[in-house]
Amino acid sequence: MIEFLDLHSQYLSIKQEIDKAISSVIADSAYIGGKHVRLFEENFSAYQQSAQCVGVGNGTDALEIAIEALGLAPGSEIIVPANSFIASAEAVSRTGHRVVFCDANADDYTIAIDDLRRRVTHKTSAIMAVHLYGHPCDMDPLLAIARQHDLKIIEDCAQAHGAEYKGRRVGAIGDVGAFSFYPGKNLGAYGDGGAIVTNDASLAKKCRMIANHGRIAKYDHEFEGRNSRLDGLQAAILNVKLSHLDGWTDHRIRIADAYLEELKQKSEITLPIRQAWARQVYHLFVVRHPRRDELRAGLQQVEVRTGIHYPVALPKLKAFSYLEQKDEKGFAWVSDDTLLSLPIGEHIHIDTVSQIASVL
């Protein structure tokens, strides 16, 4: 059987380091805050080339806290790509703003710049740049649009740990970036976890206070916040895994290159594009096929596990019916029934790619 994801084999490969890290947290009783969290924040900040990092409870909280900290006009519009996980849009509406969906590119699946330009109005306050599947957005035109219209850029980096745009790590290219450490991510915890990165020290402080009941010092609550903190056990685990991330990412890229070579002659399969300026970290390797469900069933029969990311474009979900965008005709609106995610990760061997390709 070829698994889509194999977290247990990953754990076994670093078991001694993980077990030692967990034992250290228990010995220190450093469960909330403390040195393990501080160390991870420092290490992850350096890894993502950002000046500041704030650990939080999960990736959705990271987005919500980042949006709240920006102090945008209440009820303003934030433009979000239509092909993403619901958290990208959910965080907008749950912080009191209005989602405006725009299209995604058909080649690299990131936010479509031309459609984005058409969506900007006097009500727009920010752009949600989702580095989907591990491929960075084209940030230069996004930054130019933001400067022209005085907008904020929130980078949704939930699938893009270590991804690069023209040699710069994503997250702090815009105003603020949000990461998820959900277990299946390229850098995943053994439970929930998230982080906010930015080069703005005052914004980082605001995020930290929101995440910790509106305070920095104990009982010195300056405003009403919330409880969303990265715990010590997850931070220690993430510290161990961070030291292996580049090696794991290099392997993902090799697997992706093998897929691209093996499948380039399959005329019905549309392969993803990696832009020349991008370090695409391949959280997912997504192809398109007009008979996606038949193809997936055939792979299932020979015990090749696959995924679909995402089966329903966000504007077509019942949750967003009030926005009345479900009947638009952009690429993201009509491609959701063709998307198929093939197995990729450190558990996949190069020879396995040839097996999967022969089945396809």
Protein backbone atom coordinates (compact mmCIF):
# COMPACT_ATOMS: atom_id res chain seq x y z
CA MET A 1 0.00 0.00 0.00
CA ILE A 2 1.21 3.51 -0.87
CA GLU A 3 -0.04 5.82 1.85
CA PHE A 4 -0.92 9.44 1.14
CA LEU A 5 0.68 10.44 4.47
CA ASP A 6 2.75 8.41 6.93
CA LEU A 7 3.44 10.32 10.13
CA HIS A 8 4.39 7.22 12.10
CA SER A 9 7.33 6.37 9.84
CA GLN A 10 8.50 9.97 10.14
CA TYR A 11 8.37 9.71 13.93
CA LEU A 12 10.36 6.46 13.91
CA SER A 13 13.12 8.15 11.86
CA ILE A 14 13.65 10.78 14.61
CA LYS A 15 12.27 8.87 17.60
CA GLN A 16 15.23 9.36 19.95
CA GLU A 17 15.30 13.12 19.40
CA ILE A 18 11.53 13.47 19.83
CA ASP A 19 11.38 11.34 22.96
CA LYS A 20 14.25 13.29 24.51
CA ALA A 21 12.56 16.61 23.73
CA ILE A 22 9.25 15.50 25.25
CA SER A 23 11.02 14.20 28.37
CA SER A 24 12.80 17.54 28.72
CA VAL A 25 9.51 19.47 28.72
CA ILE A 26 8.07 17.13 31.33
CA ALA A 27 11.17 17.40 33.50
CA ASP A 28 11.01 21.20 33.28
CA SER A 29 7.21 21.32 33.76
CA ALA A 30 7.33 23.92 30.97
CA TYR A 31 3.93 23.19 29.50
CA ILE A 32 2.67 26.72 28.81
CA GLY A 33 5.24 29.27 27.68
CA GLY A 34 8.79 28.88 28.92
CA LYS A 35 12.12 28.18 27.28
CA HIS A 36 10.96 25.61 24.72
CA VAL A 37 8.43 28.01 23.22
CA ARG A 38 10.90 30.90 23.26
CA LEU A 39 13.54 28.76 21.55
CA PHE A 40 11.17 27.62 18.84
CA GLU A 41 9.96 31.17 18.19
CA GLU A 42 13.58 32.29 17.80
CA ASN A 43 14.48 29.37 15.55
CA PHE A 44 11.39 29.58 13.37
CA SER A 45 11.75 33.35 13.04
CA ALA A 46 15.32 32.86 11.80
CA TYR A 47 14.25 30.04 9.48
CA GLN A 48 11.50 32.15 7.87
CA GLN A 49 13.77 35.24 7.74
CA SER A 50 11.39 37.30 9.84
CA ALA A 51 12.22 39.67 12.67
CA GLN A 52 9.39 38.46 14.92
CA CYS A 53 7.55 35.21 15.64
CA VAL A 54 4.61 34.58 17.97
CA GLY A 55 3.55 31.00 18.68
CA VAL A 56 -0.22 30.47 18.89
CA GLY A 57 -2.70 27.61 19.29
CA ASN A 58 -3.30 26.77 15.62
CA GLY A 59 -3.15 28.14 12.09
CA THR A 60 -6.70 29.49 12.05
CA ASP A 61 -6.03 31.42 15.26
CA ALA A 62 -2.86 32.76 13.65
CA LEU A 63 -4.91 34.22 10.79
CA GLU A 64 -7.62 35.64 13.05
CA ILE A 65 -5.16 37.20 15.49
CA ALA A 66 -3.08 38.67 12.66
CA ILE A 67 -6.16 40.27 11.08
CA GLU A 68 -7.35 41.63 14.43
CA ALA A 69 -3.91 43.08 15.20
CA LEU A 70 -3.84 44.99 11.90
CA GLY A 71 -6.71 47.18 13.15
CA LEU A 72 -8.59 47.25 9.85
CA ALA A 73 -11.77 49.28 9.47
CA PRO A 74 -14.71 47.25 10.84
CA GLY A 75 -16.68 45.50 8.12
CA SER A 76 -14.12 46.20 5.42
CA GLU A 77 -13.44 43.76 2.57
CA ILE A 78 -10.55 41.30 2.39
CA ILE A 79 -9.90 39.58 -0.93
CA VAL A 80 -9.33 35.81 -0.65
CA PRO A 81 -8.60 33.28 -3.43
CA ALA A 82 -11.54 30.95 -4.13
CA ASN A 83 -9.40 27.79 -4.00
CA SER A 84 -8.12 27.34 -0.45
CA PHE A 85 -9.03 25.72 2.85
CA ILE A 86 -11.99 27.39 4.56
CA ALA A 87 -9.77 28.89 7.30
CA SER A 88 -8.43 31.47 4.80
CA ALA A 89 -11.92 32.94 4.45
CA GLU A 90 -13.36 31.95 7.83
CA ALA A 91 -10.76 34.07 9.62
CA VAL A 92 -11.92 37.12 7.68
CA SER A 93 -15.61 36.85 8.55
CA ARG A 94 -14.95 35.83 12.16
CA THR A 95 -12.94 39.01 12.72
CA GLY A 96 -15.82 41.18 11.54
CA HIS A 97 -14.85 41.70 7.91
CA ARG A 98 -16.33 40.67 4.57
CA VAL A 99 -14.82 38.08 2.26
CA VAL A 100 -14.53 38.86 -1.44
CA PHE A 101 -13.46 35.80 -3.43
CA CYS A 102 -11.19 36.12 -6.43
CA ASP A 103 -9.85 33.59 -8.90
CA ALA A 104 -6.70 31.44 -8.75
CA ASN A 105 -4.15 30.76 -11.49
CA ALA A 106 -4.60 27.61 -13.55
CA ASP A 107 -0.88 26.81 -13.54
CA ASP A 108 0.48 27.41 -10.01
CA TYR A 109 -2.91 27.68 -8.18
CA THR A 110 -2.05 30.95 -6.40
CA ILE A 111 -4.06 34.18 -6.41
CA ALA A 112 -4.83 35.50 -9.92
CA ILE A 113 -3.45 39.05 -10.12
CA ASP A 114 -5.66 40.35 -12.95
CA ASP A 115 -8.85 39.16 -11.28
CA LEU A 116 -7.64 40.55 -7.96
CA ARG A 117 -7.24 44.01 -9.50
CA ARG A 118 -10.87 43.92 -10.64
CA ARG A 119 -12.05 43.09 -7.11
CA VAL A 120 -10.43 46.05 -5.34
CA THR A 121 -12.91 48.73 -4.23
CA HIS A 122 -12.93 51.61 -1.76
CA LYS A 123 -14.10 49.08 0.85
CA THR A 124 -11.07 46.80 0.42
CA SER A 125 -8.64 46.80 3.35
CA ALA A 126 -6.42 43.77 2.75
CA ILE A 127 -5.38 40.90 0.47
CA MET A 128 -5.06 37.32 1.68
CA ALA A 129 -2.06 35.90 -0.21
CA VAL A 130 -2.45 32.12 0.10
CA HIS A 131 0.74 30.25 -0.81
CA LEU A 132 -1.32 27.24 -1.81
CA TYR A 133 0.09 23.70 -1.99
CA GLY A 134 3.50 25.14 -1.05
CA HIS A 135 3.86 27.46 -4.08
CA PRO A 136 4.45 31.14 -3.22
CA CYS A 137 2.25 33.84 -4.66
CA ASP A 138 3.73 36.36 -7.09
CA MET A 139 4.41 38.92 -4.39
CA ASP A 140 5.80 41.90 -6.38
CA PRO A 141 2.51 42.75 -8.14
CA LEU A 142 0.63 42.10 -4.90
CA LEU A 143 2.87 44.57 -3.07
CA ALA A 144 2.41 47.11 -5.88
CA ILE A 145 -1.39 46.81 -5.68
CA ALA A 146 -1.22 47.13 -1.89
CA ARG A 147 0.87 50.31 -2.13
CA GLN A 148 -1.42 51.78 -4.79
CA HIS A 149 -4.57 51.25 -2.73
CA ASP A 150 -3.14 51.43 0.81
CA LEU A 151 -3.94 47.79 1.56
CA LYS A 152 -2.44 45.28 3.99
CA ILE A 153 -1.12 41.91 2.83
CA ILE A 154 -1.75 38.88 5.03
CA GLU A 155 0.25 35.83 3.94
CA ASP A 156 -1.47 32.51 4.57
CA CYS A 157 1.57 30.24 4.82
CA ALA A 158 -0.19 27.19 6.27
CA GLN A 159 1.16 25.02 3.43
CA ALA A 160 4.38 26.87 2.70
CA HIS A 161 6.99 26.36 5.43
CA GLY A 162 10.31 27.30 3.84
CA ALA A 163 8.82 28.33 0.49
CA GLU A 164 10.66 31.19 -1.21
CA TYR A 165 9.75 34.05 -3.51
CA LYS A 166 12.79 35.29 -5.44
CA GLY A 167 15.06 34.00 -2.68
CA ARG A 168 13.02 35.38 0.23
CA ARG A 169 11.16 33.11 2.61
CA VAL A 170 7.41 33.72 2.68
CA GLY A 171 5.62 35.10 5.74
CA ALA A 172 7.23 38.48 6.33
CA ILE A 173 7.24 39.72 2.73
CA GLY A 174 3.83 41.24 3.31
CA ASP A 175 2.66 42.84 6.55
CA VAL A 176 2.12 39.63 8.48
CA GLY A 177 2.18 35.88 7.88
CA ALA A 178 0.31 32.99 9.49
CA PHE A 179 1.53 29.38 9.73
CA SER A 180 -0.18 26.15 10.74
CA PHE A 181 1.62 23.23 12.39
CA TYR A 182 -1.26 20.81 11.96
CA PRO A 183 0.28 17.29 12.02
CA GLY A 184 0.06 16.74 8.25
CA LYS A 185 1.92 19.94 7.34
CA ASN A 186 5.50 19.91 6.06
CA LEU A 187 6.42 21.08 9.57
CA GLY A 188 3.76 19.47 11.73
CA ALA A 189 3.28 19.19 15.47
CA TYR A 190 1.79 16.20 17.34
CA GLY A 191 -1.42 18.15 17.82
CA ASP A 192 -2.47 21.69 16.92
CA GLY A 193 -0.10 24.63 16.74
CA GLY A 194 0.47 27.81 14.77
CA ALA A 195 2.66 30.88 14.47
CA ILE A 196 2.55 34.49 13.30
CA VAL A 197 5.59 36.10 11.70
CA THR A 198 6.23 39.75 10.85
CA ASN A 199 8.99 42.35 10.65
CA ASP A 200 6.88 44.82 12.63
CA ALA A 201 7.75 44.65 16.34
CA SER A 202 4.68 46.60 17.46
CA LEU A 203 2.39 44.36 15.40
CA ALA A 204 4.05 41.25 16.89
CA LYS A 205 3.51 42.63 20.39
CA LYS A 206 -0.16 43.26 19.62
CA CYS A 207 -0.53 39.69 18.32
CA ARG A 208 1.15 38.29 21.41
CA MET A 209 -1.16 40.26 23.68
CA ILE A 210 -4.32 39.24 21.79
CA ALA A 211 -3.24 35.60 22.03
CA ASN A 212 -2.60 35.88 25.78
CA HIS A 213 -5.71 37.54 27.23
CA GLY A 214 -4.67 41.07 26.24
CA ARG A 215 -1.52 41.11 28.33
CA ILE A 216 2.25 40.74 28.38
CA ALA A 217 2.76 40.69 32.18
CA LYS A 218 0.66 38.37 34.33
CA TYR A 219 -2.68 39.97 35.33
CA ASP A 220 -1.77 43.22 33.54
CA HIS A 221 -4.62 42.99 31.01
CA GLU A 222 -4.65 46.06 28.76
CA PHE A 223 -7.62 44.87 26.68
CA GLU A 224 -9.82 41.82 26.18
CA GLY A 225 -7.91 39.18 24.27
CA ARG A 226 -8.21 35.43 23.90
CA ASN A 227 -6.35 32.26 24.87
CA SER A 228 -4.29 30.90 21.98
CA ARG A 229 -0.81 29.79 22.96
CA LEU A 230 1.64 27.32 21.47
CA ASP A 231 2.34 24.85 24.27
CA GLY A 232 5.76 23.66 25.38
CA LEU A 233 5.39 20.06 24.22
CA GLN A 234 4.49 21.10 20.69
CA ALA A 235 7.25 23.70 20.61
CA ALA A 236 9.86 21.14 21.66
CA ILE A 237 8.63 18.67 19.01
CA LEU A 238 8.66 21.40 16.37
CA ASN A 239 12.20 22.39 17.35
CA VAL A 240 13.37 18.86 16.62
CA LYS A 241 11.49 18.62 13.35
CA LEU A 242 12.63 22.07 12.19
CA SER A 243 16.22 20.80 12.07
CA HIS A 244 15.11 18.12 9.58
CA LEU A 245 12.77 20.28 7.49
CA ASP A 246 15.21 21.28 4.74
CA GLY A 247 16.14 17.65 4.13
CA TRP A 248 12.49 16.62 4.00
CA THR A 249 11.71 19.52 1.66
CA ASP A 250 14.56 18.64 -0.69
CA HIS A 251 13.14 15.11 -0.88
CA ARG A 252 9.65 16.45 -1.66
CA ILE A 253 11.12 18.51 -4.50
CA ARG A 254 12.91 15.43 -5.89
CA ILE A 255 9.66 13.46 -5.75
CA ALA A 256 7.82 16.30 -7.50
CA ASP A 257 10.50 16.45 -10.20
CA ALA A 258 10.11 12.71 -10.71
CA TYR A 259 6.32 13.08 -11.08
CA LEU A 260 6.77 15.90 -13.58
CA GLU A 261 9.16 13.79 -15.66
CA GLU A 262 7.17 10.54 -15.45
CA LEU A 263 3.79 12.14 -16.22
CA LYS A 264 4.74 14.71 -18.85
CA GLN A 265 3.48 12.48 -21.69
CA LYS A 266 0.10 11.76 -20.09
CA SER A 267 -2.02 14.07 -22.20
CA GLU A 268 -5.16 13.99 -20.04
CA ILE A 269 -3.27 14.85 -16.84
CA THR A 270 -2.61 18.55 -16.27
CA LEU A 271 0.55 18.99 -14.22
CA PRO A 272 1.33 21.93 -11.90
CA ILE A 273 3.80 24.61 -12.93
CA ARG A 274 6.70 25.70 -10.73
CA GLN A 275 7.50 29.31 -11.53
CA ALA A 276 11.18 30.11 -12.14
CA TRP A 277 11.26 32.52 -9.20
CA ALA A 278 9.71 30.06 -6.75
CA ARG A 279 11.00 27.54 -4.27
CA GLN A 280 7.88 25.37 -4.28
CA VAL A 281 7.99 23.15 -1.17
CA TYR A 282 5.25 20.78 -2.40
CA HIS A 283 3.05 20.41 0.62
CA LEU A 284 0.81 18.82 -2.00
CA PHE A 285 1.39 17.62 -5.56
CA VAL A 286 -1.87 18.44 -7.31
CA VAL A 287 -2.81 17.37 -10.84
CA ARG A 288 -6.03 17.77 -12.80
CA HIS A 289 -7.93 15.14 -14.76
CA PRO A 290 -11.35 15.41 -16.46
CA ARG A 291 -12.41 12.03 -14.97
CA ARG A 292 -10.85 12.60 -11.58
CA ASP A 293 -13.18 10.34 -9.60
CA GLU A 294 -12.65 7.36 -11.93
CA LEU A 295 -8.90 7.88 -11.79
CA ARG A 296 -8.94 8.08 -8.01
CA ALA A 297 -11.02 4.91 -7.76
CA GLY A 298 -8.57 3.09 -10.02
CA LEU A 299 -5.65 4.13 -7.85
CA GLN A 300 -7.56 3.07 -4.75
CA GLN A 301 -8.05 -0.40 -6.23
CA VAL A 302 -4.27 -0.88 -6.43
CA GLU A 303 -3.83 0.59 -2.93
CA VAL A 304 -2.51 4.00 -3.89
CA ARG A 305 -4.01 6.57 -1.50
CA THR A 306 -4.79 10.05 -2.84
CA GLY A 307 -6.46 13.25 -1.62
CA ILE A 308 -8.62 16.06 -3.01
CA HIS A 309 -7.68 19.65 -2.15
CA TYR A 310 -10.28 21.02 -2.37
CA PRO A 311 -13.45 19.24 -3.54
CA VAL A 312 -15.67 22.34 -3.41
CA ALA A 313 -14.48 25.86 -4.21
CA LEU A 314 -15.06 28.16 -1.24
CA PRO A 315 -17.71 30.42 -2.89
CA LYS A 316 -19.82 27.32 -3.60
CA LEU A 317 -19.96 26.22 0.04
CA LYS A 318 -23.21 26.69 1.96
CA ALA A 319 -21.22 28.59 4.60
CA PHE A 320 -20.61 31.41 2.10
CA SER A 321 -23.93 31.39 0.25
CA TYR A 322 -24.69 34.85 1.66
CA LEU A 323 -21.87 36.29 -0.45
CA GLU A 324 -23.72 35.29 -3.66
CA GLN A 325 -20.55 34.39 -5.55
CA LYS A 326 -21.23 30.68 -6.14
CA ASP A 327 -22.29 31.09 -9.78
CA GLU A 328 -19.21 32.92 -11.02
CA LYS A 329 -17.20 31.23 -13.77
CA GLY A 330 -13.51 31.63 -12.93
CA PHE A 331 -10.97 28.81 -13.05
CA ALA A 332 -11.31 28.06 -9.32
CA TRP A 333 -15.09 27.78 -9.68
CA VAL A 334 -14.98 25.14 -12.43
CA SER A 335 -11.83 23.11 -11.65
CA ASP A 336 -12.73 21.72 -8.21
CA ASP A 337 -14.08 18.46 -9.66
CA THR A 338 -10.80 17.78 -11.52
CA LEU A 339 -8.23 18.26 -8.73
CA LEU A 340 -6.33 15.24 -7.39
CA SER A 341 -3.47 15.21 -4.87
CA LEU A 342 -0.91 12.44 -5.40
CA PRO A 343 1.18 10.99 -2.54
CA ILE A 344 4.25 13.05 -1.69
CA GLY A 345 6.49 13.26 1.36
CA GLU A 346 9.57 11.75 2.92
CA HIS A 347 7.85 8.34 3.02
CA ILE A 348 7.66 8.20 -0.80
CA HIS A 349 10.62 6.64 -2.64
CA ILE A 350 11.63 7.73 -6.15
CA ASP A 351 10.83 4.24 -7.42
CA THR A 352 7.33 4.59 -6.00
CA VAL A 353 6.71 7.50 -8.37
CA SER A 354 7.33 5.17 -11.33
CA GLN A 355 4.84 2.70 -9.87
CA ILE A 356 2.17 5.37 -9.51
CA ALA A 357 2.91 6.74 -12.98
CA SER A 358 2.54 3.30 -14.56
CA VAL A 359 -0.87 2.90 -12.90
CA LEU A 360 -1.95 6.30 -14.19
